[in-house]
Amino acid sequence: MSDLIEGRNAVLEAFRSGRSVDRLYILEGCQDGPVRTIAREARKKDTIVSYVSRERLDQLSETRAHQGVIAQVAAYEYSSVERILAKAEEKGEPPFLFLLDSVEDPHNLGAIIRTANLAGAHGVIIPRRRSVGLTATVAKTSAGALNYTPVARVTNLARTIEELKEKGIWFVCADMDGQPMYDLNLTGPIGLVIGNEGAGVSRLVREACDFTASIPMQGDIDSLNASVAAGVLAYEIVRQRLSQKK
């Protein structure tokens, strides 16, 4: 399943039909009428626009007929934060959310969505910018979880956390300098925040969280892959939730 749409008419129709476009690539220096129209539609949708060389477009192109524009579309439709919360309410469960701060590797995102589903989370929230979208690779790596676990995309992750805190949700972020996860109460309505593969959770997002959790490590290296860290912390939340029911 391709997640690229190529050619001016095809890309313009993708925008006008309401397709979720994660990123638009335009040939640098190209400013004719049709391309300006496409760029204007992209701005209306708050789509990321990248002006790139012809060589880069040719590398991306599968048809060799891109006409100076290629759109990377979502393989699955995005949900909304409201619908994720409604899903928790329908199940009669306190919300359990995954929030991913600039996770850029599609294999990591797909693996985290799969973990979110298996851990019983109600949904995943990602930022619109500086994050991989729902590409075909993400869908494949999720092993079908995208059919069941909604993913919402927001403009500002820190602001979204503040808004959700007003609804009674607590937020814990993964951080090597945090408290050991076994010492924290991770029950109740909770959002688990996982950071970028290299830089971790950004300062603004970390400051918006209620507490930070570290994963005890005994080896010779000091960090885990983002999807592995998400799995370890998620299942500590699951363990505490199950213990609370006994």
C-alpha atoms as a PDB file:
ATOM      1  CA  MET A   1       0.000   0.000   0.000  1.00  0.00           C
ATOM      2  CA  SER A   2       1.591   3.253  -1.162  1.00  0.00           C
ATOM      3  CA  ASP A   3       1.356   6.361   1.011  1.00  0.00           C
ATOM      4  CA  LEU A   4       2.414   8.758  -1.753  1.00  0.00           C
ATOM      5  CA  ILE A   5       0.224  10.697  -4.163  1.00  0.00           C
ATOM      6  CA  GLU A   6       1.993  12.230  -7.156  1.00  0.00           C
ATOM      7  CA  GLY A   7       1.038  14.816  -9.746  1.00  0.00           C
ATOM      8  CA  ARG A   8      -0.690  18.168  -9.478  1.00  0.00           C
ATOM      9  CA  ASN A   9      -4.297  17.147 -10.106  1.00  0.00           C
ATOM     10  CA  ALA A  10      -4.078  14.058  -7.899  1.00  0.00           C
ATOM     11  CA  VAL A  11      -2.521  15.983  -5.004  1.00  0.00           C
ATOM     12  CA  LEU A  12      -5.017  18.845  -5.276  1.00  0.00           C
ATOM     13  CA  GLU A  13      -7.937  16.405  -5.249  1.00  0.00           C
ATOM     14  CA  ALA A  14      -6.461  14.638  -2.216  1.00  0.00           C
ATOM     15  CA  PHE A  15      -6.593  17.909  -0.280  1.00  0.00           C
ATOM     16  CA  ARG A  16     -10.060  18.871  -1.511  1.00  0.00           C
ATOM     17  CA  SER A  17     -11.497  15.434  -0.738  1.00  0.00           C
ATOM     18  CA  GLY A  18     -10.371  15.679   2.886  1.00  0.00           C
ATOM     19  CA  ARG A  19      -7.608  13.062   2.784  1.00  0.00           C
ATOM     20  CA  SER A  20      -5.151  13.321   5.687  1.00  0.00           C
ATOM     21  CA  VAL A  21      -1.900  14.587   4.170  1.00  0.00           C
ATOM     22  CA  ASP A  22       1.090  14.400   6.512  1.00  0.00           C
ATOM     23  CA  ARG A  23       3.592  16.246   4.324  1.00  0.00           C
ATOM     24  CA  LEU A  24       3.701  17.972   0.952  1.00  0.00           C
ATOM     25  CA  TYR A  25       6.885  18.023  -1.130  1.00  0.00           C
ATOM     26  CA  ILE A  26       7.173  20.795  -3.748  1.00  0.00           C
ATOM     27  CA  LEU A  27       9.960  21.392  -6.242  1.00  0.00           C
ATOM     28  CA  GLU A  28      12.012  24.318  -4.946  1.00  0.00           C
ATOM     29  CA  GLY A  29      11.570  27.478  -7.018  1.00  0.00           C
ATOM     30  CA  CYS A  30       8.299  26.271  -8.547  1.00  0.00           C
ATOM     31  CA  GLN A  31       5.731  29.053  -8.108  1.00  0.00           C
ATOM     32  CA  ASP A  32       3.249  28.681 -10.964  1.00  0.00           C
ATOM     33  CA  GLY A  33      -0.503  28.959 -10.452  1.00  0.00           C
ATOM     34  CA  PRO A  34      -1.397  25.269  -9.894  1.00  0.00           C
ATOM     35  CA  VAL A  35       1.440  24.803  -7.406  1.00  0.00           C
ATOM     36  CA  ARG A  36       0.450  27.944  -5.500  1.00  0.00           C
ATOM     37  CA  THR A  37      -3.112  26.588  -5.317  1.00  0.00           C
ATOM     38  CA  ILE A  38      -1.844  23.292  -3.887  1.00  0.00           C
ATOM     39  CA  ALA A  39       0.357  25.118  -1.354  1.00  0.00           C
ATOM     40  CA  ARG A  40      -2.631  27.237  -0.309  1.00  0.00           C
ATOM     41  CA  GLU A  41      -4.740  24.111   0.289  1.00  0.00           C
ATOM     42  CA  ALA A  42      -1.871  22.654   2.336  1.00  0.00           C
ATOM     43  CA  ARG A  43      -1.746  25.749   4.546  1.00  0.00           C
ATOM     44  CA  LYS A  44      -5.506  25.499   5.174  1.00  0.00           C
ATOM     45  CA  LYS A  45      -4.964  21.966   6.489  1.00  0.00           C
ATOM     46  CA  ASP A  46      -1.827  22.930   8.458  1.00  0.00           C
ATOM     47  CA  THR A  47       0.139  20.398   6.415  1.00  0.00           C
ATOM     48  CA  ILE A  48       3.939  20.497   6.591  1.00  0.00           C
ATOM     49  CA  VAL A  49       5.331  21.793   3.264  1.00  0.00           C
ATOM     50  CA  SER A  50       8.909  21.002   2.234  1.00  0.00           C
ATOM     51  CA  TYR A  51      10.526  22.640  -0.790  1.00  0.00           C
ATOM     52  CA  VAL A  52      13.057  20.156  -2.135  1.00  0.00           C
ATOM     53  CA  SER A  53      15.348  19.594  -5.100  1.00  0.00           C
ATOM     54  CA  ARG A  54      14.308  17.740  -8.238  1.00  0.00           C
ATOM     55  CA  GLU A  55      16.741  15.003  -7.268  1.00  0.00           C
ATOM     56  CA  ARG A  56      14.920  14.500  -3.961  1.00  0.00           C
ATOM     57  CA  LEU A  57      11.518  14.390  -5.691  1.00  0.00           C
ATOM     58  CA  ASP A  58      12.828  11.867  -8.200  1.00  0.00           C
ATOM     59  CA  GLN A  59      14.100   9.720  -5.322  1.00  0.00           C
ATOM     60  CA  LEU A  60      10.678   9.778  -3.672  1.00  0.00           C
ATOM     61  CA  SER A  61       8.697   9.271  -6.853  1.00  0.00           C
ATOM     62  CA  GLU A  62       7.319   5.850  -7.722  1.00  0.00           C
ATOM     63  CA  THR A  63       5.647   6.932 -10.964  1.00  0.00           C
ATOM     64  CA  ARG A  64       8.333   9.251 -12.369  1.00  0.00           C
ATOM     65  CA  ALA A  65       5.477  11.638 -13.182  1.00  0.00           C
ATOM     66  CA  HIS A  66       5.344  13.811 -10.073  1.00  0.00           C
ATOM     67  CA  GLN A  67       5.057  17.174 -11.923  1.00  0.00           C
ATOM     68  CA  GLY A  68       6.934  18.857  -9.096  1.00  0.00           C
ATOM     69  CA  VAL A  69       4.577  17.823  -6.265  1.00  0.00           C
ATOM     70  CA  ILE A  70       4.294  14.732  -4.075  1.00  0.00           C
ATOM     71  CA  ALA A  71       1.968  14.323  -1.087  1.00  0.00           C
ATOM     72  CA  GLN A  72       2.623  11.839   1.684  1.00  0.00           C
ATOM     73  CA  VAL A  73      -0.791  10.747   2.895  1.00  0.00           C
ATOM     74  CA  ALA A  74      -1.853   8.874   6.003  1.00  0.00           C
ATOM     75  CA  ALA A  75      -2.422   5.166   5.463  1.00  0.00           C
ATOM     76  CA  TYR A  76      -5.178   5.383   8.097  1.00  0.00           C
ATOM     77  CA  GLU A  77      -7.451   8.247   9.083  1.00  0.00           C
ATOM     78  CA  TYR A  78      -6.609  10.136  12.255  1.00  0.00           C
ATOM     79  CA  SER A  79      -8.997  10.212  15.173  1.00  0.00           C
ATOM     80  CA  SER A  80      -9.506  13.069  17.643  1.00  0.00           C
ATOM     81  CA  VAL A  81      -8.630  13.397  21.307  1.00  0.00           C
ATOM     82  CA  GLU A  82     -12.349  13.713  22.072  1.00  0.00           C
ATOM     83  CA  ARG A  83     -13.117  10.387  20.402  1.00  0.00           C
ATOM     84  CA  ILE A  84     -10.307   8.687  22.325  1.00  0.00           C
ATOM     85  CA  LEU A  85     -11.743   9.947  25.609  1.00  0.00           C
ATOM     86  CA  ALA A  86     -15.215   8.860  24.517  1.00  0.00           C
ATOM     87  CA  LYS A  87     -13.852   5.352  23.911  1.00  0.00           C
ATOM     88  CA  ALA A  88     -12.633   5.196  27.531  1.00  0.00           C
ATOM     89  CA  GLU A  89     -15.996   6.446  28.771  1.00  0.00           C
ATOM     90  CA  GLU A  90     -17.875   3.843  26.719  1.00  0.00           C
ATOM     91  CA  LYS A  91     -15.780   1.114  28.318  1.00  0.00           C
ATOM     92  CA  GLY A  92     -16.318   2.555  31.787  1.00  0.00           C
ATOM     93  CA  GLU A  93     -12.553   2.805  32.321  1.00  0.00           C
ATOM     94  CA  PRO A  94     -10.281   5.647  33.460  1.00  0.00           C
ATOM     95  CA  PRO A  95      -8.484   7.016  30.372  1.00  0.00           C
ATOM     96  CA  PHE A  96      -5.144   5.441  29.535  1.00  0.00           C
ATOM     97  CA  LEU A  97      -3.331   7.377  26.796  1.00  0.00           C
ATOM     98  CA  PHE A  98       0.030   7.207  25.060  1.00  0.00           C
ATOM     99  CA  LEU A  99       1.525  10.577  24.032  1.00  0.00           C
ATOM    100  CA  LEU A 100       4.563  10.486  21.759  1.00  0.00           C
ATOM    101  CA  ASP A 101       6.866  13.488  21.664  1.00  0.00           C
ATOM    102  CA  SER A 102       8.532  13.641  18.222  1.00  0.00           C
ATOM    103  CA  VAL A 103       8.898   9.915  17.580  1.00  0.00           C
ATOM    104  CA  GLU A 104      10.296   9.921  14.036  1.00  0.00           C
ATOM    105  CA  ASP A 105      10.982   6.260  13.298  1.00  0.00           C
ATOM    106  CA  PRO A 106       7.939   4.595  11.646  1.00  0.00           C
ATOM    107  CA  HIS A 107       8.910   1.196  13.054  1.00  0.00           C
ATOM    108  CA  ASN A 108       8.967   2.631  16.577  1.00  0.00           C
ATOM    109  CA  LEU A 109       5.587   4.310  16.101  1.00  0.00           C
ATOM    110  CA  GLY A 110       4.042   1.125  14.729  1.00  0.00           C
ATOM    111  CA  ALA A 111       5.475  -0.945  17.581  1.00  0.00           C
ATOM    112  CA  ILE A 112       4.219   1.553  20.182  1.00  0.00           C
ATOM    113  CA  ILE A 113       0.702   1.522  18.696  1.00  0.00           C
ATOM    114  CA  ARG A 114       0.780  -2.270  18.898  1.00  0.00           C
ATOM    115  CA  THR A 115       1.878  -2.111  22.548  1.00  0.00           C
ATOM    116  CA  ALA A 116      -0.799   0.484  23.314  1.00  0.00           C
ATOM    117  CA  ASN A 117      -3.453  -1.862  21.976  1.00  0.00           C
ATOM    118  CA  LEU A 118      -2.186  -4.889  23.891  1.00  0.00           C
ATOM    119  CA  ALA A 119      -1.868  -2.878  27.118  1.00  0.00           C
ATOM    120  CA  GLY A 120      -5.477  -1.726  26.855  1.00  0.00           C
ATOM    121  CA  ALA A 121      -4.727   1.942  26.162  1.00  0.00           C
ATOM    122  CA  HIS A 122      -7.597   3.890  24.650  1.00  0.00           C
ATOM    123  CA  GLY A 123      -5.531   5.781  22.112  1.00  0.00           C
ATOM    124  CA  VAL A 124      -2.298   7.399  21.012  1.00  0.00           C
ATOM    125  CA  ILE A 125      -1.622  11.122  20.557  1.00  0.00           C
ATOM    126  CA  ILE A 126       1.167  12.455  18.339  1.00  0.00           C
ATOM    127  CA  PRO A 127       2.211  15.998  17.370  1.00  0.00           C
ATOM    128  CA  ARG A 128       1.501  17.275  13.878  1.00  0.00           C
ATOM    129  CA  ARG A 129       5.099  18.380  13.351  1.00  0.00           C
ATOM    130  CA  ARG A 130       8.435  16.684  14.044  1.00  0.00           C
ATOM    131  CA  SER A 131       6.798  13.270  14.099  1.00  0.00           C
ATOM    132  CA  VAL A 132       6.267  10.441  11.666  1.00  0.00           C
ATOM    133  CA  GLY A 133       2.640  10.120  10.573  1.00  0.00           C
ATOM    134  CA  LEU A 134       0.500   7.075   9.878  1.00  0.00           C
ATOM    135  CA  THR A 135       2.498   5.772   6.939  1.00  0.00           C
ATOM    136  CA  ALA A 136       2.129   2.347   5.347  1.00  0.00           C
ATOM    137  CA  THR A 137       5.239   1.226   7.271  1.00  0.00           C
ATOM    138  CA  VAL A 138       3.637   2.298  10.561  1.00  0.00           C
ATOM    139  CA  ALA A 139       0.459   0.422   9.666  1.00  0.00           C
ATOM    140  CA  LYS A 140       2.388  -2.746   8.799  1.00  0.00           C
ATOM    141  CA  THR A 141       4.553  -2.608  11.940  1.00  0.00           C
ATOM    142  CA  SER A 142       1.483  -2.150  14.141  1.00  0.00           C
ATOM    143  CA  ALA A 143       0.403  -5.656  13.056  1.00  0.00           C
ATOM    144  CA  GLY A 144      -3.232  -4.642  12.706  1.00  0.00           C
ATOM    145  CA  ALA A 145      -3.428  -2.582  15.899  1.00  0.00           C
ATOM    146  CA  LEU A 146      -4.264   0.563  13.910  1.00  0.00           C
ATOM    147  CA  ASN A 147      -7.646  -0.997  13.150  1.00  0.00           C
ATOM    148  CA  TYR A 148      -8.498  -0.867  16.850  1.00  0.00           C
ATOM    149  CA  THR A 149      -6.346   1.804  18.511  1.00  0.00           C
ATOM    150  CA  PRO A 150      -7.169   5.379  17.436  1.00  0.00           C
ATOM    151  CA  VAL A 151      -4.365   7.867  16.813  1.00  0.00           C
ATOM    152  CA  ALA A 152      -4.981  11.604  17.183  1.00  0.00           C
ATOM    153  CA  ARG A 153      -2.699  14.316  15.842  1.00  0.00           C
ATOM    154  CA  VAL A 154      -2.437  17.653  17.662  1.00  0.00           C
ATOM    155  CA  THR A 155      -0.716  20.956  16.962  1.00  0.00           C
ATOM    156  CA  ASN A 156       0.870  21.416  20.398  1.00  0.00           C
ATOM    157  CA  LEU A 157       1.529  18.429  22.645  1.00  0.00           C
ATOM    158  CA  ALA A 158       2.301  20.460  25.794  1.00  0.00           C
ATOM    159  CA  ARG A 159      -0.930  22.446  25.415  1.00  0.00           C
ATOM    160  CA  THR A 160      -2.897  19.240  24.873  1.00  0.00           C
ATOM    161  CA  ILE A 161      -1.463  17.851  28.115  1.00  0.00           C
ATOM    162  CA  GLU A 162      -2.545  20.981  30.004  1.00  0.00           C
ATOM    163  CA  GLU A 163      -6.058  20.705  28.563  1.00  0.00           C
ATOM    164  CA  LEU A 164      -6.310  17.030  29.492  1.00  0.00           C
ATOM    165  CA  LYS A 165      -5.063  17.717  33.009  1.00  0.00           C
ATOM    166  CA  GLU A 166      -8.140  19.895  33.458  1.00  0.00           C
ATOM    167  CA  LYS A 167     -10.181  16.756  32.746  1.00  0.00           C
ATOM    168  CA  GLY A 168      -8.483  14.947  35.631  1.00  0.00           C
ATOM    169  CA  ILE A 169      -5.810  13.028  33.733  1.00  0.00           C
ATOM    170  CA  TRP A 170      -2.330  12.721  35.240  1.00  0.00           C
ATOM    171  CA  PHE A 171       0.789  12.582  33.082  1.00  0.00           C
ATOM    172  CA  VAL A 172       4.012  10.661  33.555  1.00  0.00           C
ATOM    173  CA  CYS A 173       6.936  10.952  31.173  1.00  0.00           C
ATOM    174  CA  ALA A 174       9.836   8.602  30.659  1.00  0.00           C
ATOM    175  CA  ASP A 175      13.098  10.186  31.781  1.00  0.00           C
ATOM    176  CA  MET A 176      16.368   8.645  32.987  1.00  0.00           C
ATOM    177  CA  ASP A 177      16.526  11.214  35.804  1.00  0.00           C
ATOM    178  CA  GLY A 178      13.010  10.499  37.040  1.00  0.00           C
ATOM    179  CA  GLN A 179      11.815   8.509  40.040  1.00  0.00           C
ATOM    180  CA  PRO A 180      11.979   4.710  39.708  1.00  0.00           C
ATOM    181  CA  MET A 181       8.705   3.639  38.123  1.00  0.00           C
ATOM    182  CA  TYR A 182       8.053   1.118  40.919  1.00  0.00           C
ATOM    183  CA  ASP A 183       7.900   3.997  43.440  1.00  0.00           C
ATOM    184  CA  LEU A 184       5.128   5.867  41.585  1.00  0.00           C
ATOM    185  CA  ASN A 185       1.370   5.505  41.765  1.00  0.00           C
ATOM    186  CA  LEU A 186       0.431   4.999  38.122  1.00  0.00           C
ATOM    187  CA  THR A 187      -3.228   4.110  38.619  1.00  0.00           C
ATOM    188  CA  GLY A 188      -6.255   6.166  37.639  1.00  0.00           C
ATOM    189  CA  PRO A 189      -6.637   8.342  34.522  1.00  0.00           C
ATOM    190  CA  ILE A 190      -3.140   8.541  33.069  1.00  0.00           C
ATOM    191  CA  GLY A 191      -1.154   9.620  30.051  1.00  0.00           C
ATOM    192  CA  LEU A 192       2.205   7.977  29.357  1.00  0.00           C
ATOM    193  CA  VAL A 193       4.596  10.321  27.533  1.00  0.00           C
ATOM    194  CA  ILE A 194       7.430   8.829  25.478  1.00  0.00           C
ATOM    195  CA  GLY A 195      10.118  10.995  23.893  1.00  0.00           C
ATOM    196  CA  ASN A 196      12.161  11.178  20.747  1.00  0.00           C
ATOM    197  CA  GLU A 197      14.538   8.302  19.991  1.00  0.00           C
ATOM    198  CA  GLY A 198      17.600  10.446  20.639  1.00  0.00           C
ATOM    199  CA  ALA A 199      16.654  13.560  22.598  1.00  0.00           C
ATOM    200  CA  GLY A 200      13.934  12.085  24.815  1.00  0.00           C
ATOM    201  CA  VAL A 201      10.998  14.184  26.010  1.00  0.00           C
ATOM    202  CA  SER A 202      11.357  17.887  25.190  1.00  0.00           C
ATOM    203  CA  ARG A 203      11.640  20.401  28.021  1.00  0.00           C
ATOM    204  CA  LEU A 204       8.222  22.023  27.534  1.00  0.00           C
ATOM    205  CA  VAL A 205       6.442  18.684  27.377  1.00  0.00           C
ATOM    206  CA  ARG A 206       8.379  17.340  30.377  1.00  0.00           C
ATOM    207  CA  GLU A 207       7.498  20.428  32.423  1.00  0.00           C
ATOM    208  CA  ALA A 208       3.824  19.950  31.565  1.00  0.00           C
ATOM    209  CA  CYS A 209       3.863  16.418  33.041  1.00  0.00           C
ATOM    210  CA  ASP A 210       3.022  15.722  36.675  1.00  0.00           C
ATOM    211  CA  PHE A 211       5.973  13.411  37.285  1.00  0.00           C
ATOM    212  CA  THR A 212       8.780  11.572  35.548  1.00  0.00           C
ATOM    213  CA  ALA A 213       9.505   7.866  35.694  1.00  0.00           C
ATOM    214  CA  SER A 214      12.793   6.082  35.170  1.00  0.00           C
ATOM    215  CA  ILE A 215      13.231   2.430  34.285  1.00  0.00           C
ATOM    216  CA  PRO A 216      15.747   0.660  36.543  1.00  0.00           C
ATOM    217  CA  MET A 217      18.668  -0.608  34.452  1.00  0.00           C
ATOM    218  CA  GLN A 218      21.465  -2.947  35.431  1.00  0.00           C
ATOM    219  CA  GLY A 219      23.456  -3.197  32.211  1.00  0.00           C
ATOM    220  CA  ASP A 220      26.372  -1.308  30.710  1.00  0.00           C
ATOM    221  CA  ILE A 221      24.399   1.055  28.482  1.00  0.00           C
ATOM    222  CA  ASP A 222      22.014   3.686  29.778  1.00  0.00           C
ATOM    223  CA  SER A 223      19.065   3.899  27.418  1.00  0.00           C
ATOM    224  CA  LEU A 224      16.313   1.843  25.795  1.00  0.00           C
ATOM    225  CA  ASN A 225      14.753   2.021  22.360  1.00  0.00           C
ATOM    226  CA  ALA A 226      11.634   4.258  22.469  1.00  0.00           C
ATOM    227  CA  SER A 227       9.210   1.422  21.730  1.00  0.00           C
ATOM    228  CA  VAL A 228      10.829  -0.864  24.321  1.00  0.00           C
ATOM    229  CA  ALA A 229      10.689   1.878  26.980  1.00  0.00           C
ATOM    230  CA  ALA A 230       7.029   2.452  26.122  1.00  0.00           C
ATOM    231  CA  GLY A 231       6.335  -1.258  26.598  1.00  0.00           C
ATOM    232  CA  VAL A 232       8.119  -1.505  29.951  1.00  0.00           C
ATOM    233  CA  LEU A 233       6.351   1.536  31.420  1.00  0.00           C
ATOM    234  CA  ALA A 234       2.986   0.606  29.922  1.00  0.00           C
ATOM    235  CA  TYR A 235       3.058  -2.787  31.594  1.00  0.00           C
ATOM    236  CA  GLU A 236       3.944  -1.287  34.953  1.00  0.00           C
ATOM    237  CA  ILE A 237       0.771   0.785  34.531  1.00  0.00           C
ATOM    238  CA  VAL A 238      -1.117  -2.410  33.603  1.00  0.00           C
ATOM    239  CA  ARG A 239       0.306  -4.231  36.637  1.00  0.00           C
ATOM    240  CA  GLN A 240      -0.771  -1.463  39.000  1.00  0.00           C
ATOM    241  CA  ARG A 241      -4.231  -1.281  37.444  1.00  0.00           C
ATOM    242  CA  LEU A 242      -4.730  -5.024  37.820  1.00  0.00           C
ATOM    243  CA  SER A 243      -3.468  -4.945  41.421  1.00  0.00           C
ATOM    244  CA  GLN A 244      -5.964  -2.208  42.233  1.00  0.00           C
ATOM    245  CA  LYS A 245      -8.854  -4.432  41.081  1.00  0.00           C
ATOM    246  CA  LYS A 246      -7.958  -7.265  43.471  1.00  0.00           C
END
